Protein backbone atom coordinates (compact mmCIF):
# COMPACT_ATOMS: atom_id res chain seq x y z
CA MET A 1 0.00 0.00 0.00
CA SER A 2 1.43 3.37 -0.94
CA GLN A 3 2.03 6.06 1.69
CA THR A 4 -0.89 8.12 0.33
CA ALA A 5 -3.25 5.16 0.33
CA ARG A 6 -2.22 4.27 3.90
CA PHE A 7 -3.04 7.69 5.32
CA GLN A 8 -6.29 7.74 3.33
CA GLU A 9 -7.28 4.35 4.75
CA THR A 10 -6.48 5.53 8.28
CA LEU A 11 -8.51 8.72 7.87
CA ARG A 12 -11.40 6.83 6.29
CA ARG A 13 -11.45 4.35 9.17
CA LEU A 14 -11.34 7.17 11.71
CA ALA A 15 -14.13 9.07 9.92
CA ILE A 16 -16.47 6.08 10.12
CA PHE A 17 -15.22 5.17 13.59
CA ASP A 18 -14.15 1.69 12.54
CA GLU A 19 -14.57 -0.55 15.60
CA GLY A 20 -11.51 -2.58 14.60
CA LEU A 21 -9.37 0.51 14.99
CA ALA A 22 -10.92 1.32 18.35
CA GLU A 23 -10.69 -2.29 19.53
CA ALA A 24 -6.96 -2.20 18.89
CA GLY A 25 -6.79 0.27 21.76
CA PHE A 26 -4.52 2.53 19.76
CA GLY A 27 -1.52 0.43 20.77
CA LEU A 28 -2.27 0.21 24.49
CA ASP A 29 -1.77 -3.18 26.11
CA LEU A 30 -3.22 -3.31 29.60
CA ALA A 31 -1.85 -6.11 31.76
CA GLY A 32 -4.18 -8.26 33.79
CA PRO A 33 -7.95 -8.56 33.87
CA PRO A 34 -9.97 -5.35 33.86
CA ALA A 35 -11.37 -4.14 37.18
CA LEU A 36 -14.54 -2.85 35.50
CA ASP A 37 -17.13 -5.03 33.83
CA ALA A 38 -17.97 -4.46 30.16
CA LYS A 39 -21.25 -2.64 30.89
CA THR A 40 -19.65 -0.17 33.29
CA THR A 41 -16.81 0.45 30.85
CA ALA A 42 -19.28 1.06 28.02
CA LEU A 43 -21.35 3.48 30.13
CA LEU A 44 -18.17 5.38 31.01
CA GLN A 45 -17.36 5.58 27.31
CA VAL A 46 -20.78 7.15 26.70
CA ALA A 47 -20.14 9.67 29.47
CA VAL A 48 -16.69 10.61 28.22
CA SER A 49 -17.87 10.85 24.61
CA VAL A 50 -20.52 13.33 25.69
CA ALA A 51 -18.21 15.24 28.02
CA ILE A 52 -15.54 15.83 25.38
CA GLY A 53 -18.04 16.82 22.69
CA SER A 54 -17.58 13.82 20.40
CA SER A 55 -19.19 13.69 16.99
CA ALA A 56 -22.64 12.17 16.52
CA VAL A 57 -21.18 8.99 15.02
CA CYS A 58 -18.95 8.51 18.09
CA LEU A 59 -21.90 9.10 20.41
CA GLN A 60 -23.98 6.58 18.49
CA TRP A 61 -21.14 4.07 18.56
CA SER A 62 -20.57 4.37 22.30
CA ALA A 63 -24.30 4.16 23.10
CA ALA A 64 -24.71 1.12 20.84
CA ARG A 65 -21.76 -0.54 22.56
CA ALA A 66 -23.32 0.16 25.95
CA LEU A 67 -26.54 -1.50 24.81
CA ALA A 68 -24.59 -4.47 23.48
CA ALA A 69 -22.80 -4.75 26.85
CA GLY A 70 -26.14 -5.03 28.65
CA ALA A 71 -26.92 -1.43 29.59
CA THR A 72 -30.54 -0.40 29.38
CA LYS A 73 -31.78 2.68 27.58
CA ASP A 74 -32.75 4.14 30.96
CA GLU A 75 -29.22 3.59 32.28
CA ILE A 76 -27.75 5.41 29.28
CA ALA A 77 -30.16 8.31 29.78
CA ASP A 78 -29.25 8.39 33.48
CA VAL A 79 -25.56 8.66 32.53
CA LEU A 80 -26.42 11.84 30.63
CA LEU A 81 -28.16 13.28 33.68
CA ALA A 82 -25.34 12.22 35.99
CA ILE A 83 -22.67 14.09 34.04
CA VAL A 84 -24.52 17.41 33.66
CA PRO A 85 -22.75 18.94 36.73
CA VAL A 86 -19.29 18.18 35.31
CA ALA A 87 -19.79 18.19 31.54
CA GLY A 88 -22.26 21.05 31.47
CA LEU A 89 -25.86 21.18 30.35
CA GLY A 90 -24.89 22.50 26.91
CA ARG A 91 -22.69 19.49 26.15
CA VAL A 92 -25.35 17.05 27.27
CA VAL A 93 -28.11 18.81 25.34
CA SER A 94 -25.92 18.84 22.22
CA ALA A 95 -25.19 15.14 22.60
CA ALA A 96 -28.78 14.04 23.22
CA PRO A 97 -29.77 13.65 19.53
CA GLY A 98 -26.73 11.47 18.77
CA VAL A 99 -27.36 9.25 21.75
CA ALA A 100 -31.09 9.12 20.96
CA ALA A 101 -30.32 7.89 17.44
CA ALA A 102 -28.42 4.94 18.90
CA LEU A 103 -31.38 4.22 21.16
CA GLU A 104 -33.70 4.29 18.12
CA TYR A 105 -35.58 7.30 19.46
CA ASP A 106 -36.49 10.02 16.98
CA ILE A 107 -36.31 13.21 19.03
CA GLU A 108 -37.34 15.45 16.12
CA ALA A 109 -40.53 13.44 15.55
CA ALA A 110 -41.31 13.51 19.26
CA LEU A 111 -40.85 17.27 19.39
CA GLU A 112 -43.09 17.72 16.33
CA GLU A 113 -45.79 15.68 18.06
CA LEU A 114 -45.56 17.96 21.08
CA GLY A 115 -45.86 20.98 18.80
CA ASP A 116 -49.04 19.54 17.30
CA LEU A 117 -50.75 19.33 20.69
């Protein structure tokens, strides 16, 4: 693979948030078994993704991983509420549509229904 093609492949994989790239841990090799279970780790990833202002695709990815790890939709929503004091209401409000998409909840449709009342 040429140098140009390699950087293009890397950027493409980052743009689509390729799970294989994320699973590689970006070269980190942690020794020993993890102290946190998969569900807790996934919920923390949701919280951090929101707190740092991640893109919608990253928010959707982290929420989908939390669901796959056994988190409920209510637990994911509670994570958003729990981080408001540290992440800020603006960050959480901005992240809500991305997280909602992963939870298969159409916020725009719900808001339109409220407007029709």
